[in-house]
C-alpha atoms as a PDB file:
ATOM      1  CA  MET A   1     -58.800   5.971 -10.896  1.00  0.00           C
ATOM      2  CA  SER A   2     -58.025   4.733  -7.415  1.00  0.00           C
ATOM      3  CA  ALA A   3     -57.604   1.276  -7.688  1.00  0.00           C
ATOM      4  CA  GLU A   4     -60.274   0.567  -4.691  1.00  0.00           C
ATOM      5  CA  ILE A   5     -63.450   1.046  -7.558  1.00  0.00           C
ATOM      6  CA  GLU A   6     -62.533  -1.710 -10.586  1.00  0.00           C
ATOM      7  CA  ALA A   7     -61.560  -0.507 -13.690  1.00  0.00           C
ATOM      8  CA  GLY A   8     -63.941   0.775 -16.307  1.00  0.00           C
ATOM      9  CA  VAL A   9     -67.227   3.221 -16.823  1.00  0.00           C
ATOM     10  CA  ASP A  10     -69.764   0.527 -15.964  1.00  0.00           C
ATOM     11  CA  ASN A  11     -68.515  -0.521 -12.451  1.00  0.00           C
ATOM     12  CA  MET A  12     -70.985   1.714 -10.272  1.00  0.00           C
ATOM     13  CA  LEU A  13     -74.118   3.925 -11.248  1.00  0.00           C
ATOM     14  CA  SER A  14     -75.882   6.495  -9.690  1.00  0.00           C
ATOM     15  CA  VAL A  15     -78.900   8.143 -10.354  1.00  0.00           C
ATOM     16  CA  LYS A  16     -78.734  12.076 -11.605  1.00  0.00           C
ATOM     17  CA  LEU A  17     -75.955  12.764  -9.270  1.00  0.00           C
ATOM     18  CA  THR A  18     -72.043  12.324 -10.288  1.00  0.00           C
ATOM     19  CA  PRO A  19     -71.018   9.783  -7.987  1.00  0.00           C
ATOM     20  CA  TRP A  20     -67.653  10.146  -5.891  1.00  0.00           C
ATOM     21  CA  HIS A  21     -66.105  12.652  -8.149  1.00  0.00           C
ATOM     22  CA  GLY A  22     -67.116  11.703 -11.323  1.00  0.00           C
ATOM     23  CA  LEU A  23     -66.775   8.289 -11.383  1.00  0.00           C
ATOM     24  CA  GLY A  24     -69.279   5.886 -12.531  1.00  0.00           C
ATOM     25  CA  VAL A  25     -72.788   5.526 -14.757  1.00  0.00           C
ATOM     26  CA  ILE A  26     -74.445   8.546 -14.285  1.00  0.00           C
ATOM     27  CA  LEU A  27     -78.741   7.744 -14.943  1.00  0.00           C
ATOM     28  CA  GLU A  28     -81.431  10.143 -15.496  1.00  0.00           C
ATOM     29  CA  THR A  29     -83.935   7.828 -13.878  1.00  0.00           C
ATOM     30  CA  ALA A  30     -83.479   5.088 -11.247  1.00  0.00           C
ATOM     31  CA  PRO A  31     -83.488   1.168 -12.258  1.00  0.00           C
ATOM     32  CA  LYS A  32     -86.785  -0.416 -12.059  1.00  0.00           C
ATOM     33  CA  THR A  33     -85.142  -3.981 -11.166  1.00  0.00           C
ATOM     34  CA  VAL A  34     -82.498  -4.968  -9.360  1.00  0.00           C
ATOM     35  CA  GLU A  35     -81.400  -7.367 -12.160  1.00  0.00           C
ATOM     36  CA  GLU A  36     -81.498  -3.726 -14.284  1.00  0.00           C
ATOM     37  CA  ALA A  37     -79.371  -2.184 -11.840  1.00  0.00           C
ATOM     38  CA  LEU A  38     -76.924  -4.848 -11.430  1.00  0.00           C
ATOM     39  CA  THR A  39     -76.115  -4.600 -14.667  1.00  0.00           C
ATOM     40  CA  ILE A  40     -75.996  -1.148 -15.665  1.00  0.00           C
ATOM     41  CA  ALA A  41     -73.357  -1.607 -12.438  1.00  0.00           C
ATOM     42  CA  GLY A  42     -71.265  -4.351 -13.825  1.00  0.00           C
ATOM     43  CA  LEU A  43     -72.612  -6.474 -10.883  1.00  0.00           C
ATOM     44  CA  ASN A  44     -73.938  -9.324 -12.921  1.00  0.00           C
ATOM     45  CA  TRP A  45     -71.492 -11.477 -12.745  1.00  0.00           C
ATOM     46  CA  GLN A  46     -71.118 -14.742 -10.259  1.00  0.00           C
ATOM     47  CA  VAL A  47     -68.641 -16.072  -7.909  1.00  0.00           C
ATOM     48  CA  GLU A  48     -67.535 -20.328  -7.186  1.00  0.00           C
ATOM     49  CA  ARG A  49     -65.087 -21.937  -4.832  1.00  0.00           C
ATOM     50  CA  ALA A  50     -61.758 -23.685  -5.835  1.00  0.00           C
ATOM     51  CA  PRO A  51     -60.048 -25.944  -3.894  1.00  0.00           C
ATOM     52  CA  VAL A  52     -56.927 -24.260  -2.782  1.00  0.00           C
ATOM     53  CA  VAL A  53     -53.262 -26.490  -3.152  1.00  0.00           C
ATOM     54  CA  ALA A  54     -50.211 -26.404  -1.752  1.00  0.00           C
ATOM     55  CA  GLN A  55     -46.849 -26.485  -2.863  1.00  0.00           C
ATOM     56  CA  TYR A  56     -44.518 -28.845  -0.838  1.00  0.00           C
ATOM     57  CA  ASN A  57     -41.603 -31.067  -1.603  1.00  0.00           C
ATOM     58  CA  GLY A  58     -41.917 -30.728  -5.206  1.00  0.00           C
ATOM     59  CA  LYS A  59     -45.765 -32.030  -5.097  1.00  0.00           C
ATOM     60  CA  LEU A  60     -48.667 -30.235  -4.964  1.00  0.00           C
ATOM     61  CA  VAL A  61     -50.785 -31.160  -1.327  1.00  0.00           C
ATOM     62  CA  GLN A  62     -54.842 -30.899  -0.944  1.00  0.00           C
ATOM     63  CA  THR A  63     -55.760 -27.682   2.316  1.00  0.00           C
ATOM     64  CA  ASN A  64     -58.452 -27.473   3.466  1.00  0.00           C
ATOM     65  CA  ASN A  65     -58.917 -23.778   1.790  1.00  0.00           C
ATOM     66  CA  PHE A  66     -61.101 -22.487  -1.055  1.00  0.00           C
ATOM     67  CA  ALA A  67     -60.286 -19.464  -3.625  1.00  0.00           C
ATOM     68  CA  VAL A  68     -63.498 -17.552  -4.322  1.00  0.00           C
ATOM     69  CA  VAL A  69     -63.276 -17.116  -8.071  1.00  0.00           C
ATOM     70  CA  ARG A  70     -65.181 -14.206 -10.225  1.00  0.00           C
ATOM     71  CA  LYS A  71     -66.711 -16.731 -13.191  1.00  0.00           C
ATOM     72  CA  THR A  72     -66.560 -14.089 -15.844  1.00  0.00           C
ATOM     73  CA  ASP A  73     -62.564 -12.977 -15.317  1.00  0.00           C
ATOM     74  CA  GLU A  74     -61.601 -16.053 -13.102  1.00  0.00           C
ATOM     75  CA  ARG A  75     -60.331 -13.729 -10.878  1.00  0.00           C
ATOM     76  CA  VAL A  76     -59.372 -14.463  -7.265  1.00  0.00           C
ATOM     77  CA  LEU A  77     -61.402 -12.033  -4.876  1.00  0.00           C
ATOM     78  CA  GLY A  78     -60.390 -13.895  -1.635  1.00  0.00           C
ATOM     79  CA  VAL A  79     -58.883 -17.217  -0.117  1.00  0.00           C
ATOM     80  CA  VAL A  80     -61.679 -18.512   2.658  1.00  0.00           C
ATOM     81  CA  GLY A  81     -62.715 -21.851   4.648  1.00  0.00           C
ATOM     82  CA  SER A  82     -64.154 -25.023   3.553  1.00  0.00           C
ATOM     83  CA  GLU A  83     -67.525 -23.432   6.067  1.00  0.00           C
ATOM     84  CA  TYR A  84     -68.079 -20.620   3.264  1.00  0.00           C
ATOM     85  CA  HIS A  85     -70.694 -20.677   1.138  1.00  0.00           C
ATOM     86  CA  PRO A  86     -70.514 -17.421  -1.494  1.00  0.00           C
ATOM     87  CA  ILE A  87     -73.690 -15.400  -1.364  1.00  0.00           C
ATOM     88  CA  GLN A  88     -73.703 -14.195  -5.200  1.00  0.00           C
ATOM     89  CA  ASN A  89     -75.012 -10.700  -5.938  1.00  0.00           C
ATOM     90  CA  ALA A  90     -78.072 -11.275  -7.299  1.00  0.00           C
ATOM     91  CA  LYS A  91     -79.405 -13.014  -4.024  1.00  0.00           C
ATOM     92  CA  ALA A  92     -77.718 -10.613  -1.090  1.00  0.00           C
ATOM     93  CA  PHE A  93     -79.751  -7.596  -3.146  1.00  0.00           C
ATOM     94  CA  GLU A  94     -82.700  -9.069  -4.102  1.00  0.00           C
ATOM     95  CA  PHE A  95     -84.067  -7.946  -0.832  1.00  0.00           C
ATOM     96  CA  PHE A  96     -84.853  -4.208  -2.949  1.00  0.00           C
ATOM     97  CA  ASN A  97     -86.856  -6.116  -5.598  1.00  0.00           C
ATOM     98  CA  PRO A  98     -90.562  -6.268  -3.700  1.00  0.00           C
ATOM     99  CA  PHE A  99     -90.125  -2.321  -2.006  1.00  0.00           C
ATOM    100  CA  VAL A 100     -89.396  -0.734  -5.796  1.00  0.00           C
ATOM    101  CA  GLU A 101     -91.605  -2.478  -7.063  1.00  0.00           C
ATOM    102  CA  GLN A 102     -94.124  -1.172  -4.791  1.00  0.00           C
ATOM    103  CA  GLY A 103     -92.794   2.135  -4.827  1.00  0.00           C
ATOM    104  CA  PHE A 104     -91.396   2.126  -1.041  1.00  0.00           C
ATOM    105  CA  CYS A 105     -87.570   2.562  -2.346  1.00  0.00           C
ATOM    106  CA  THR A 106     -85.399   3.561  -5.057  1.00  0.00           C
ATOM    107  CA  ILE A 107     -82.033   2.497  -5.954  1.00  0.00           C
ATOM    108  CA  GLU A 108     -79.905   5.371  -6.033  1.00  0.00           C
ATOM    109  CA  THR A 109     -76.412   3.687  -6.308  1.00  0.00           C
ATOM    110  CA  ALA A 110     -74.428   0.683  -6.743  1.00  0.00           C
ATOM    111  CA  GLY A 111     -71.460  -0.777  -7.535  1.00  0.00           C
ATOM    112  CA  SER A 112     -68.196  -2.730  -6.161  1.00  0.00           C
ATOM    113  CA  LEU A 113     -64.193  -1.812  -4.624  1.00  0.00           C
ATOM    114  CA  GLN A 114     -61.341  -3.872  -4.536  1.00  0.00           C
ATOM    115  CA  GLY A 115     -61.697  -5.416  -7.149  1.00  0.00           C
ATOM    116  CA  GLY A 116     -64.874  -6.652  -7.030  1.00  0.00           C
ATOM    117  CA  ARG A 117     -64.111  -8.110  -3.187  1.00  0.00           C
ATOM    118  CA  ARG A 118     -66.745  -5.644  -1.732  1.00  0.00           C
ATOM    119  CA  VAL A 119     -70.120  -4.733  -3.210  1.00  0.00           C
ATOM    120  CA  TRP A 120     -73.048  -2.314  -2.641  1.00  0.00           C
ATOM    121  CA  MET A 121     -76.462  -1.410  -3.300  1.00  0.00           C
ATOM    122  CA  LEU A 122     -77.929   2.072  -1.799  1.00  0.00           C
ATOM    123  CA  ALA A 123     -82.062   2.792  -1.951  1.00  0.00           C
ATOM    124  CA  LYS A 124     -83.724   5.910  -0.681  1.00  0.00           C
ATOM    125  CA  VAL A 125     -86.280   4.784   1.592  1.00  0.00           C
ATOM    126  CA  ASN A 126     -89.104   7.008  -0.343  1.00  0.00           C
ATOM    127  CA  GLY A 127     -91.159   9.312   1.875  1.00  0.00           C
ATOM    128  CA  THR A 128     -88.524   9.612   4.370  1.00  0.00           C
ATOM    129  CA  GLU A 129     -87.380  13.466   3.317  1.00  0.00           C
ATOM    130  CA  THR A 130     -87.925  15.688   6.680  1.00  0.00           C
ATOM    131  CA  ASP A 131     -86.102  18.770   7.542  1.00  0.00           C
ATOM    132  CA  ILE A 132     -84.003  18.845  10.398  1.00  0.00           C
ATOM    133  CA  VAL A 133     -84.679  23.002  10.531  1.00  0.00           C
ATOM    134  CA  LYS A 134     -86.201  24.677   7.415  1.00  0.00           C
ATOM    135  CA  ASN A 135     -84.785  24.385   3.793  1.00  0.00           C
ATOM    136  CA  ASP A 136     -81.791  21.248   5.807  1.00  0.00           C
ATOM    137  CA  PRO A 137     -83.849  18.037   4.627  1.00  0.00           C
ATOM    138  CA  VAL A 138     -81.991  14.485   5.323  1.00  0.00           C
ATOM    139  CA  ASN A 139     -83.326  10.918   3.984  1.00  0.00           C
ATOM    140  CA  ALA A 140     -83.667   7.479   4.776  1.00  0.00           C
ATOM    141  CA  TYR A 141     -81.775   5.057   3.095  1.00  0.00           C
ATOM    142  CA  PHE A 142     -81.123   0.963   2.940  1.00  0.00           C
ATOM    143  CA  LEU A 143     -77.618  -0.470   2.523  1.00  0.00           C
ATOM    144  CA  VAL A 144     -76.890  -3.917   1.486  1.00  0.00           C
ATOM    145  CA  SER A 145     -73.230  -4.830   1.096  1.00  0.00           C
ATOM    146  CA  ASN A 146     -71.539  -7.929   0.992  1.00  0.00           C
ATOM    147  CA  SER A 147     -67.958  -9.240   0.876  1.00  0.00           C
ATOM    148  CA  HIS A 148     -66.501 -12.317  -1.699  1.00  0.00           C
ATOM    149  CA  ASP A 149     -63.245 -12.320   0.692  1.00  0.00           C
ATOM    150  CA  GLY A 150     -64.766 -13.846   3.410  1.00  0.00           C
ATOM    151  CA  SER A 151     -63.766 -10.202   5.213  1.00  0.00           C
ATOM    152  CA  THR A 152     -67.434  -9.571   5.977  1.00  0.00           C
ATOM    153  CA  ARG A 153     -70.939 -10.578   5.740  1.00  0.00           C
ATOM    154  CA  ALA A 154     -74.011 -10.063   4.063  1.00  0.00           C
ATOM    155  CA  ARG A 155     -75.099  -6.760   5.819  1.00  0.00           C
ATOM    156  CA  LEU A 156     -78.317  -4.929   5.399  1.00  0.00           C
ATOM    157  CA  GLY A 157     -77.956  -1.236   7.182  1.00  0.00           C
ATOM    158  CA  PHE A 158     -79.543   2.099   7.881  1.00  0.00           C
ATOM    159  CA  CYS A 159     -78.557   4.964   7.425  1.00  0.00           C
ATOM    160  CA  GLY A 160     -79.084   8.227   6.236  1.00  0.00           C
ATOM    161  CA  THR A 161     -77.741  11.006   4.318  1.00  0.00           C
ATOM    162  CA  ARG A 162     -78.325  15.041   4.781  1.00  0.00           C
ATOM    163  CA  VAL A 163     -79.191  16.160   0.823  1.00  0.00           C
ATOM    164  CA  VAL A 164     -77.578  19.865   0.930  1.00  0.00           C
ATOM    165  CA  CYS A 165     -74.301  18.437   1.220  1.00  0.00           C
ATOM    166  CA  MET A 166     -74.805  14.371   0.281  1.00  0.00           C
ATOM    167  CA  ASN A 167     -72.514  13.396   4.001  1.00  0.00           C
ATOM    168  CA  THR A 168     -72.907  10.417   4.824  1.00  0.00           C
ATOM    169  CA  LEU A 169     -74.848  10.297   8.606  1.00  0.00           C
ATOM    170  CA  THR A 170     -75.444   7.693  11.254  1.00  0.00           C
ATOM    171  CA  ILE A 171     -75.010   4.069  10.033  1.00  0.00           C
ATOM    172  CA  ALA A 172     -76.084   1.179  12.381  1.00  0.00           C
ATOM    173  CA  HIS A 173     -73.236  -1.167  12.685  1.00  0.00           C
ATOM    174  CA  ASN A 174     -74.820  -2.899  15.796  1.00  0.00           C
ATOM    175  CA  GLU A 175     -76.275  -6.039  16.208  1.00  0.00           C
ATOM    176  CA  SER A 176     -78.969  -5.071  17.249  1.00  0.00           C
ATOM    177  CA  ASP A 177     -79.839  -3.036  14.183  1.00  0.00           C
ATOM    178  CA  LEU A 178     -78.026  -4.140  12.009  1.00  0.00           C
ATOM    179  CA  LEU A 179     -78.581  -7.906  10.473  1.00  0.00           C
ATOM    180  CA  ARG A 180     -75.851  -9.536   9.607  1.00  0.00           C
ATOM    181  CA  VAL A 181     -75.811 -13.030   7.216  1.00  0.00           C
ATOM    182  CA  SER A 182     -72.731 -15.863   7.437  1.00  0.00           C
ATOM    183  CA  HIS A 183     -71.383 -17.430   4.616  1.00  0.00           C
ATOM    184  CA  THR A 184     -73.137 -20.682   5.278  1.00  0.00           C
ATOM    185  CA  LYS A 185     -75.750 -22.810   3.624  1.00  0.00           C
ATOM    186  CA  ASN A 186     -78.099 -21.333   5.843  1.00  0.00           C
ATOM    187  CA  ALA A 187     -77.959 -18.113   4.074  1.00  0.00           C
ATOM    188  CA  ALA A 188     -80.426 -18.051   1.909  1.00  0.00           C
ATOM    189  CA  VAL A 189     -82.833 -18.730   4.500  1.00  0.00           C
ATOM    190  CA  ALA A 190     -81.548 -15.640   6.955  1.00  0.00           C
ATOM    191  CA  LEU A 191     -81.422 -13.374   4.203  1.00  0.00           C
ATOM    192  CA  ASP A 192     -85.543 -13.774   3.496  1.00  0.00           C
ATOM    193  CA  LYS A 193     -85.875 -12.413   7.073  1.00  0.00           C
ATOM    194  CA  ILE A 194     -84.425  -9.024   6.475  1.00  0.00           C
ATOM    195  CA  GLN A 195     -87.784  -8.239   5.566  1.00  0.00           C
ATOM    196  CA  GLY A 196     -89.589  -8.246   9.235  1.00  0.00           C
ATOM    197  CA  ILE A 197     -87.486  -5.635  10.382  1.00  0.00           C
ATOM    198  CA  VAL A 198     -87.959  -2.711   8.006  1.00  0.00           C
ATOM    199  CA  ASP A 199     -90.627  -0.946   9.426  1.00  0.00           C
ATOM    200  CA  PHE A 200     -88.766  -0.927  12.740  1.00  0.00           C
ATOM    201  CA  GLN A 201     -86.026   1.103  11.557  1.00  0.00           C
ATOM    202  CA  LYS A 202     -88.481   3.268   9.608  1.00  0.00           C
ATOM    203  CA  LYS A 203     -89.612   4.535  12.825  1.00  0.00           C
ATOM    204  CA  ARG A 204     -86.706   4.576  14.352  1.00  0.00           C
ATOM    205  CA  PHE A 205     -85.286   6.991  11.441  1.00  0.00           C
ATOM    206  CA  ALA A 206     -87.977   8.715  12.876  1.00  0.00           C
ATOM    207  CA  GLY A 207     -86.905   9.181  16.444  1.00  0.00           C
ATOM    208  CA  THR A 208     -83.305   9.742  14.874  1.00  0.00           C
ATOM    209  CA  VAL A 209     -84.322  13.215  12.905  1.00  0.00           C
ATOM    210  CA  GLU A 210     -85.861  13.694  16.662  1.00  0.00           C
ATOM    211  CA  GLN A 211     -82.627  13.785  17.811  1.00  0.00           C
ATOM    212  CA  MET A 212     -80.777  15.465  15.182  1.00  0.00           C
ATOM    213  CA  ARG A 213     -83.167  18.314  15.615  1.00  0.00           C
ATOM    214  CA  ALA A 214     -82.277  18.698  19.357  1.00  0.00           C
ATOM    215  CA  LEU A 215     -78.773  18.742  18.637  1.00  0.00           C
ATOM    216  CA  ALA A 216     -79.869  22.041  15.922  1.00  0.00           C
ATOM    217  CA  ARG A 217     -81.347  23.461  19.661  1.00  0.00           C
ATOM    218  CA  VAL A 218     -77.775  23.095  21.314  1.00  0.00           C
ATOM    219  CA  GLY A 219     -75.398  25.917  21.025  1.00  0.00           C
ATOM    220  CA  VAL A 220     -71.484  25.672  20.514  1.00  0.00           C
ATOM    221  CA  THR A 221     -68.661  27.225  21.467  1.00  0.00           C
ATOM    222  CA  ALA A 222     -65.012  27.365  20.556  1.00  0.00           C
ATOM    223  CA  GLU A 223     -64.313  25.938  23.318  1.00  0.00           C
ATOM    224  CA  SER A 224     -66.523  23.416  23.173  1.00  0.00           C
ATOM    225  CA  LEU A 225     -65.935  22.446  19.898  1.00  0.00           C
ATOM    226  CA  ARG A 226     -61.841  21.583  20.322  1.00  0.00           C
ATOM    227  CA  ALA A 227     -63.741  18.945  23.254  1.00  0.00           C
ATOM    228  CA  TYR A 228     -66.122  17.407  21.322  1.00  0.00           C
ATOM    229  CA  VAL A 229     -63.191  16.841  18.396  1.00  0.00           C
ATOM    230  CA  GLU A 230     -61.421  15.360  20.848  1.00  0.00           C
ATOM    231  CA  ARG A 231     -63.346  13.224  22.127  1.00  0.00           C
ATOM    232  CA  VAL A 232     -64.812  11.647  18.750  1.00  0.00           C
ATOM    233  CA  PHE A 233     -61.002  11.263  17.536  1.00  0.00           C
ATOM    234  CA  LEU A 234     -59.361  10.455  20.587  1.00  0.00           C
ATOM    235  CA  PRO A 235     -59.793   6.320  20.270  1.00  0.00           C
ATOM    236  CA  GLU A 236     -58.376   6.714  17.088  1.00  0.00           C
ATOM    237  CA  VAL A 237     -55.631   8.644  17.282  1.00  0.00           C
ATOM    238  CA  LYS A 238     -54.273   6.700  20.116  1.00  0.00           C
ATOM    239  CA  LYS A 239     -54.281   3.660  17.732  1.00  0.00           C
ATOM    240  CA  ARG A 240     -51.449   5.042  15.543  1.00  0.00           C
ATOM    241  CA  THR A 241     -49.671   7.618  18.087  1.00  0.00           C
ATOM    242  CA  VAL A 242     -47.118   6.487  21.120  1.00  0.00           C
ATOM    243  CA  ALA A 243     -46.842   9.538  22.960  1.00  0.00           C
ATOM    244  CA  ASP A 244     -49.018  12.167  24.233  1.00  0.00           C
ATOM    245  CA  GLU A 245     -47.418  15.117  22.703  1.00  0.00           C
ATOM    246  CA  ASP A 246     -47.619  13.074  19.256  1.00  0.00           C
ATOM    247  CA  THR A 247     -51.560  12.572  20.267  1.00  0.00           C
ATOM    248  CA  GLN A 248     -52.536  16.484  20.591  1.00  0.00           C
ATOM    249  CA  ALA A 249     -50.646  17.316  17.861  1.00  0.00           C
ATOM    250  CA  ALA A 250     -52.456  15.186  15.637  1.00  0.00           C
ATOM    251  CA  LEU A 251     -55.981  15.851  17.518  1.00  0.00           C
ATOM    252  CA  SER A 252     -55.036  19.944  16.661  1.00  0.00           C
ATOM    253  CA  LYS A 253     -54.636  18.830  13.138  1.00  0.00           C
ATOM    254  CA  ILE A 254     -57.784  17.088  12.888  1.00  0.00           C
ATOM    255  CA  HIS A 255     -59.490  19.998  14.929  1.00  0.00           C
ATOM    256  CA  ALA A 256     -57.167  22.446  12.350  1.00  0.00           C
ATOM    257  CA  LYS A 257     -59.784  20.723   9.775  1.00  0.00           C
ATOM    258  CA  ILE A 258     -63.001  21.153  11.585  1.00  0.00           C
ATOM    259  CA  ILE A 259     -63.466  24.703  12.476  1.00  0.00           C
ATOM    260  CA  PRO A 260     -63.644  25.890   8.527  1.00  0.00           C
ATOM    261  CA  LEU A 261     -66.187  23.099   8.433  1.00  0.00           C
ATOM    262  CA  PHE A 262     -67.993  23.561  11.394  1.00  0.00           C
ATOM    263  CA  GLU A 263     -68.055  27.457  10.634  1.00  0.00           C
ATOM    264  CA  LYS A 264     -68.173  27.440   6.553  1.00  0.00           C
ATOM    265  CA  GLY A 265     -69.063  23.646   5.322  1.00  0.00           C
ATOM    266  CA  ARG A 266     -71.842  22.161   2.856  1.00  0.00           C
ATOM    267  CA  GLY A 267     -75.151  23.816   4.692  1.00  0.00           C
ATOM    268  CA  ASN A 268     -73.488  24.819   7.979  1.00  0.00           C
ATOM    269  CA  ASP A 269     -73.951  28.496   7.482  1.00  0.00           C
ATOM    270  CA  LEU A 270     -78.087  28.200   7.176  1.00  0.00           C
ATOM    271  CA  PRO A 271     -79.835  29.727   9.432  1.00  0.00           C
ATOM    272  CA  GLY A 272     -80.841  27.654  12.534  1.00  0.00           C
ATOM    273  CA  VAL A 273     -77.863  25.424  12.106  1.00  0.00           C
ATOM    274  CA  LYS A 274     -74.764  27.645  12.340  1.00  0.00           C
ATOM    275  CA  GLY A 275     -73.134  26.954  15.591  1.00  0.00           C
ATOM    276  CA  THR A 276     -74.918  24.723  16.694  1.00  0.00           C
ATOM    277  CA  MET A 277     -74.384  21.121  17.683  1.00  0.00           C
ATOM    278  CA  TRP A 278     -76.000  19.802  14.778  1.00  0.00           C
ATOM    279  CA  ALA A 279     -73.355  21.992  12.528  1.00  0.00           C
ATOM    280  CA  ALA A 280     -70.179  20.747  14.726  1.00  0.00           C
ATOM    281  CA  TYR A 281     -71.823  16.995  14.329  1.00  0.00           C
ATOM    282  CA  ASN A 282     -71.896  18.011  10.507  1.00  0.00           C
ATOM    283  CA  ALA A 283     -68.649  19.279  10.025  1.00  0.00           C
ATOM    284  CA  VAL A 284     -67.296  15.921  11.326  1.00  0.00           C
ATOM    285  CA  SER A 285     -69.449  14.321   8.961  1.00  0.00           C
ATOM    286  CA  GLU A 286     -68.304  16.159   5.775  1.00  0.00           C
ATOM    287  CA  TYR A 287     -64.828  15.471   6.775  1.00  0.00           C
ATOM    288  CA  MET A 288     -65.503  12.092   6.897  1.00  0.00           C
ATOM    289  CA  THR A 289     -67.323  11.580   3.712  1.00  0.00           C
ATOM    290  CA  TRP A 290     -65.039  13.983   1.380  1.00  0.00           C
ATOM    291  CA  GLU A 291     -61.704  14.902   3.381  1.00  0.00           C
ATOM    292  CA  LYS A 292     -59.905  12.624   5.228  1.00  0.00           C
ATOM    293  CA  GLY A 293     -58.146   9.603   3.498  1.00  0.00           C
ATOM    294  CA  ARG A 294     -56.148   9.128   0.482  1.00  0.00           C
ATOM    295  CA  SER A 295     -59.161   8.780  -2.655  1.00  0.00           C
ATOM    296  CA  PRO A 296     -63.138   9.597  -2.457  1.00  0.00           C
ATOM    297  CA  ASN A 297     -63.026   5.549  -2.750  1.00  0.00           C
ATOM    298  CA  THR A 298     -60.737   4.681   0.123  1.00  0.00           C
ATOM    299  CA  ARG A 299     -63.484   6.609   2.420  1.00  0.00           C
ATOM    300  CA  LEU A 300     -66.232   5.265   0.201  1.00  0.00           C
ATOM    301  CA  ASP A 301     -64.718   1.807   1.545  1.00  0.00           C
ATOM    302  CA  SER A 302     -63.637   3.015   5.482  1.00  0.00           C
ATOM    303  CA  LEU A 303     -67.352   4.696   5.993  1.00  0.00           C
ATOM    304  CA  TRP A 304     -69.267   1.691   4.482  1.00  0.00           C
ATOM    305  CA  PHE A 305     -67.073  -1.202   5.453  1.00  0.00           C
ATOM    306  CA  GLY A 306     -64.341  -0.150   7.961  1.00  0.00           C
ATOM    307  CA  GLU A 307     -62.873   2.617  10.875  1.00  0.00           C
ATOM    308  CA  ALA A 308     -64.543   5.642   9.340  1.00  0.00           C
ATOM    309  CA  GLY A 309     -68.373   3.950   9.661  1.00  0.00           C
ATOM    310  CA  LYS A 310     -67.427   3.653  13.652  1.00  0.00           C
ATOM    311  CA  ILE A 311     -66.411   7.536  14.127  1.00  0.00           C
ATOM    312  CA  ASN A 312     -69.165   8.539  12.332  1.00  0.00           C
ATOM    313  CA  GLN A 313     -71.496   7.032  14.701  1.00  0.00           C
ATOM    314  CA  ARG A 314     -69.195   7.897  17.776  1.00  0.00           C
ATOM    315  CA  ALA A 315     -69.524  11.917  16.967  1.00  0.00           C
ATOM    316  CA  PHE A 316     -73.359  11.564  16.696  1.00  0.00           C
ATOM    317  CA  ASP A 317     -73.486   9.441  19.997  1.00  0.00           C
ATOM    318  CA  VAL A 318     -70.873  12.194  21.623  1.00  0.00           C
ATOM    319  CA  ALA A 319     -72.927  15.018  20.246  1.00  0.00           C
ATOM    320  CA  GLN A 320     -75.990  13.821  21.799  1.00  0.00           C
ATOM    321  CA  ALA A 321     -74.312  13.822  25.359  1.00  0.00           C
ATOM    322  CA  ALA A 322     -72.782  17.325  25.088  1.00  0.00           C
END
């Protein structure tokens, strides 16, 4: 088991589907409340700040930093500044409760990464499933995530999932689409404002679906697929290569992995999908969701917290511009 996911079977839950290659607890029915989901996923713990002291010339010296400590096992999850105030898991995810109670959404998965430093809960927005082409449905999801190490603020994201392959589609990662809440004394008030943007985002997802359908009407050749892959991955590749030859070699390797996914990836051989820009985008999405990275858990961490999410969004933007 990867070190990214906490040890033990109750570190994550998933409804009906085996999550991330067998990790976590599989449920037949969805949790009815956030509290139930927190308990099953092993997230029903709290954190607190503890002053950090330094040893200097044999003496203990007080600093302006604090350790974020998980109370259940006294594990230090991070070191933060004096302005940081923890947002407890129950508070971060309570946003879902009224929507679950009214049947507007269903909690499908929740868990933690990096020993509890990062936590998330994902809920499907009921009634949003719709086909891009026949037999190729997508769903809208709410993703609430938080960190206990100071690396990110509490965030409400909106993403899609392609049902036939469980690919993670676009995730809102800019300020206009994603409400970020700083860990300050006013965080609880700010979290209460999240609900005001939900209806707008549901309408936005409907617009995204139309953009996806437009991609299914655009044909792709071998040459245009290569150009697409290069435009999507060039910024990332340039960060880790030192010469043009190295860049081209790295892009060629990625392109070689994308080709079979474009031709025979999950759902990409469906009538109306095969040979289109929708297939090209999903080839990249499948690569980012299921293949890139050292393990399923590092891929998940990168998709929801790191560089892979940015690449996934760029792949969608580049596909629309093609």
